[in-house]
Amino acid sequence: MKQGFQRFLTRVLPHITIVLAGMFVIFWILDILNPTMNFINREISNKLLIIFCTASLVTSIVTIGLERKTD
């Protein structure tokens, strides 16, 4: 059962991360275009969020690519 859960995480988690990272990038763009919506309030938060999203996307894409090579 432990191996099944681990396989589930390695297959599903990168896709979830891509979706969430995309959502946060959209929130960042919306915050720039319409600051009254206040998705993100601080300048440092914006920069950290973009770094997080970029790192998450790269990690997820690499993980999915490596997984497809091993299958």
N, C-alpha and C. Protein backbone atom coordinates (compact mmCIF):
# COMPACT_ATOMS: atom_id res chain seq x y z
N MET A 1 0.82 -1.19 0.00
CA MET A 1 0.00 0.00 0.00
C MET A 1 0.87 1.26 0.00
N LYS A 2 1.98 1.22 0.71
CA LYS A 2 2.87 2.38 0.77
C LYS A 2 3.43 2.70 -0.61
N GLN A 3 3.79 1.67 -1.37
CA GLN A 3 4.33 1.89 -2.71
C GLN A 3 3.26 2.44 -3.64
N GLY A 4 2.02 2.01 -3.48
CA GLY A 4 0.93 2.52 -4.30
C GLY A 4 0.68 4.00 -4.05
N PHE A 5 0.73 4.39 -2.78
CA PHE A 5 0.54 5.80 -2.43
C PHE A 5 1.69 6.64 -2.98
N GLN A 6 2.91 6.11 -2.89
CA GLN A 6 4.07 6.83 -3.40
C GLN A 6 3.96 7.01 -4.91
N ARG A 7 3.52 5.97 -5.60
CA ARG A 7 3.34 6.07 -7.05
C ARG A 7 2.24 7.07 -7.39
N PHE A 8 1.17 7.08 -6.59
CA PHE A 8 0.09 8.05 -6.78
C PHE A 8 0.62 9.48 -6.63
N LEU A 9 1.42 9.71 -5.59
CA LEU A 9 1.97 11.05 -5.37
C LEU A 9 2.88 11.48 -6.51
N THR A 10 3.73 10.57 -6.99
CA THR A 10 4.65 10.95 -8.06
C THR A 10 3.92 11.20 -9.38
N ARG A 11 2.75 10.63 -9.54
CA ARG A 11 1.99 10.85 -10.78
C ARG A 11 1.04 12.05 -10.69
N VAL A 12 0.42 12.26 -9.55
CA VAL A 12 -0.62 13.28 -9.43
C VAL A 12 -0.08 14.61 -8.91
N LEU A 13 0.83 14.58 -7.97
CA LEU A 13 1.32 15.80 -7.34
C LEU A 13 1.92 16.81 -8.33
N PRO A 14 2.72 16.39 -9.30
CA PRO A 14 3.23 17.39 -10.26
C PRO A 14 2.12 18.09 -11.04
N HIS A 15 1.06 17.36 -11.38
CA HIS A 15 -0.04 17.98 -12.12
C HIS A 15 -0.79 18.99 -11.24
N ILE A 16 -1.00 18.64 -9.99
CA ILE A 16 -1.64 19.56 -9.06
C ILE A 16 -0.79 20.80 -8.87
N THR A 17 0.52 20.60 -8.78
CA THR A 17 1.43 21.74 -8.61
C THR A 17 1.38 22.67 -9.81
N ILE A 18 1.32 22.12 -11.00
CA ILE A 18 1.23 22.95 -12.21
C ILE A 18 -0.05 23.78 -12.19
N VAL A 19 -1.16 23.16 -11.83
CA VAL A 19 -2.44 23.88 -11.80
C VAL A 19 -2.40 25.00 -10.76
N LEU A 20 -1.92 24.68 -9.55
CA LEU A 20 -1.86 25.70 -8.50
C LEU A 20 -0.90 26.83 -8.86
N ALA A 21 0.24 26.48 -9.44
CA ALA A 21 1.19 27.51 -9.84
C ALA A 21 0.58 28.41 -10.91
N GLY A 22 -0.14 27.83 -11.84
CA GLY A 22 -0.82 28.63 -12.86
C GLY A 22 -1.86 29.56 -12.25
N MET A 23 -2.57 29.07 -11.25
CA MET A 23 -3.55 29.90 -10.57
C MET A 23 -2.89 31.09 -9.89
N PHE A 24 -1.76 30.84 -9.21
CA PHE A 24 -1.08 31.93 -8.51
C PHE A 24 -0.50 32.94 -9.49
N VAL A 25 -0.04 32.50 -10.65
CA VAL A 25 0.44 33.44 -11.66
C VAL A 25 -0.72 34.30 -12.15
N ILE A 26 -1.88 33.70 -12.36
CA ILE A 26 -3.05 34.47 -12.78
C ILE A 26 -3.45 35.47 -11.70
N PHE A 27 -3.42 35.04 -10.43
CA PHE A 27 -3.73 35.96 -9.34
C PHE A 27 -2.76 37.14 -9.33
N TRP A 28 -1.49 36.87 -9.59
CA TRP A 28 -0.47 37.91 -9.63
C TRP A 28 -0.77 38.91 -10.76
N ILE A 29 -1.11 38.39 -11.93
CA ILE A 29 -1.42 39.25 -13.07
C ILE A 29 -2.68 40.08 -12.78
N LEU A 30 -3.69 39.44 -12.21
CA LEU A 30 -4.92 40.18 -11.87
C LEU A 30 -4.64 41.26 -10.84
N ASP A 31 -3.75 40.98 -9.91
CA ASP A 31 -3.40 41.98 -8.90
C ASP A 31 -2.70 43.18 -9.53
N ILE A 32 -1.92 42.96 -10.57
CA ILE A 32 -1.26 44.06 -11.28
C ILE A 32 -2.30 44.87 -12.07
N LEU A 33 -3.19 44.17 -12.76
CA LEU A 33 -4.17 44.84 -13.61
C LEU A 33 -5.27 45.53 -12.82
N ASN A 34 -5.66 44.94 -11.68
CA ASN A 34 -6.74 45.50 -10.86
C ASN A 34 -6.37 45.37 -9.39
N PRO A 35 -5.59 46.30 -8.86
CA PRO A 35 -5.12 46.19 -7.48
C PRO A 35 -6.23 46.25 -6.43
N THR A 36 -7.41 46.74 -6.79
CA THR A 36 -8.49 46.80 -5.81
C THR A 36 -9.01 45.41 -5.43
N MET A 37 -8.72 44.40 -6.24
CA MET A 37 -9.14 43.04 -5.92
C MET A 37 -8.30 42.46 -4.78
N ASN A 38 -7.09 42.95 -4.59
CA ASN A 38 -6.21 42.56 -3.48
C ASN A 38 -5.99 41.05 -3.37
N PHE A 39 -5.66 40.41 -4.47
CA PHE A 39 -5.28 39.01 -4.37
C PHE A 39 -3.96 38.88 -3.61
N ILE A 40 -3.06 39.79 -3.89
CA ILE A 40 -1.75 39.79 -3.24
C ILE A 40 -1.49 41.23 -2.81
N ASN A 41 -1.11 41.42 -1.56
CA ASN A 41 -1.02 42.78 -1.04
C ASN A 41 0.36 43.40 -1.04
N ARG A 42 1.42 42.65 -0.83
CA ARG A 42 2.75 43.22 -0.63
C ARG A 42 3.64 42.97 -1.85
N GLU A 43 4.58 43.89 -2.06
CA GLU A 43 5.50 43.77 -3.20
C GLU A 43 6.41 42.56 -3.04
N ILE A 44 6.92 42.34 -1.84
CA ILE A 44 7.79 41.19 -1.62
C ILE A 44 7.04 39.88 -1.82
N SER A 45 5.76 39.86 -1.46
CA SER A 45 4.94 38.67 -1.67
C SER A 45 4.81 38.35 -3.15
N ASN A 46 4.67 39.40 -3.95
CA ASN A 46 4.58 39.21 -5.40
C ASN A 46 5.84 38.54 -5.94
N LYS A 47 7.00 39.04 -5.52
CA LYS A 47 8.26 38.49 -6.01
C LYS A 47 8.47 37.06 -5.54
N LEU A 48 8.19 36.81 -4.27
CA LEU A 48 8.34 35.45 -3.75
C LEU A 48 7.37 34.48 -4.41
N LEU A 49 6.17 34.95 -4.68
CA LEU A 49 5.17 34.09 -5.32
C LEU A 49 5.57 33.73 -6.74
N ILE A 50 6.13 34.67 -7.49
CA ILE A 50 6.59 34.38 -8.85
C ILE A 50 7.75 33.39 -8.82
N ILE A 51 8.66 33.57 -7.88
CA ILE A 51 9.78 32.62 -7.74
C ILE A 51 9.25 31.23 -7.43
N PHE A 52 8.29 31.15 -6.50
CA PHE A 52 7.69 29.86 -6.15
C PHE A 52 7.01 29.21 -7.35
N CYS A 53 6.23 29.99 -8.06
CA CYS A 53 5.50 29.44 -9.21
C CYS A 53 6.45 28.94 -10.29
N THR A 54 7.48 29.71 -10.56
CA THR A 54 8.45 29.30 -11.57
C THR A 54 9.17 28.02 -11.16
N ALA A 55 9.60 27.96 -9.91
CA ALA A 55 10.27 26.76 -9.42
C ALA A 55 9.34 25.56 -9.43
N SER A 56 8.10 25.77 -9.06
CA SER A 56 7.14 24.67 -9.05
C SER A 56 6.87 24.15 -10.46
N LEU A 57 6.71 25.07 -11.40
CA LEU A 57 6.47 24.66 -12.78
C LEU A 57 7.65 23.87 -13.34
N VAL A 58 8.86 24.35 -13.12
CA VAL A 58 10.04 23.66 -13.63
C VAL A 58 10.16 22.28 -12.99
N THR A 59 9.99 22.22 -11.69
CA THR A 59 10.08 20.93 -10.99
C THR A 59 9.04 19.95 -11.50
N SER A 60 7.84 20.42 -11.67
CA SER A 60 6.77 19.54 -12.14
C SER A 60 7.00 19.06 -13.56
N ILE A 61 7.44 19.95 -14.42
CA ILE A 61 7.69 19.56 -15.81
C ILE A 61 8.83 18.55 -15.89
N VAL A 62 9.88 18.78 -15.12
CA VAL A 62 11.00 17.82 -15.11
C VAL A 62 10.56 16.48 -14.55
N THR A 63 9.78 16.50 -13.48
CA THR A 63 9.30 15.24 -12.88
C THR A 63 8.43 14.47 -13.85
N ILE A 64 7.52 15.15 -14.52
CA ILE A 64 6.65 14.48 -15.49
C ILE A 64 7.48 13.93 -16.65
N GLY A 65 8.45 14.70 -17.12
CA GLY A 65 9.31 14.24 -18.22
C GLY A 65 10.11 13.00 -17.83
N LEU A 66 10.69 13.00 -16.64
CA LEU A 66 11.46 11.83 -16.18
C LEU A 66 10.56 10.62 -15.99
N GLU A 67 9.36 10.85 -15.50
CA GLU A 67 8.43 9.74 -15.31
C GLU A 67 8.04 9.11 -16.64
N ARG A 68 7.82 9.93 -17.64
CA ARG A 68 7.44 9.39 -18.95
C ARG A 68 8.59 8.63 -19.60
N LYS A 69 9.83 9.04 -19.32
CA LYS A 69 10.99 8.32 -19.87
C LYS A 69 11.12 6.94 -19.24
N THR A 70 10.79 6.82 -17.94
CA THR A 70 10.93 5.53 -17.26
C THR A 70 9.77 4.60 -17.59
N ASP A 71 8.63 5.13 -18.01
CA ASP A 71 7.50 4.26 -18.37
C ASP A 71 7.70 3.73 -19.73
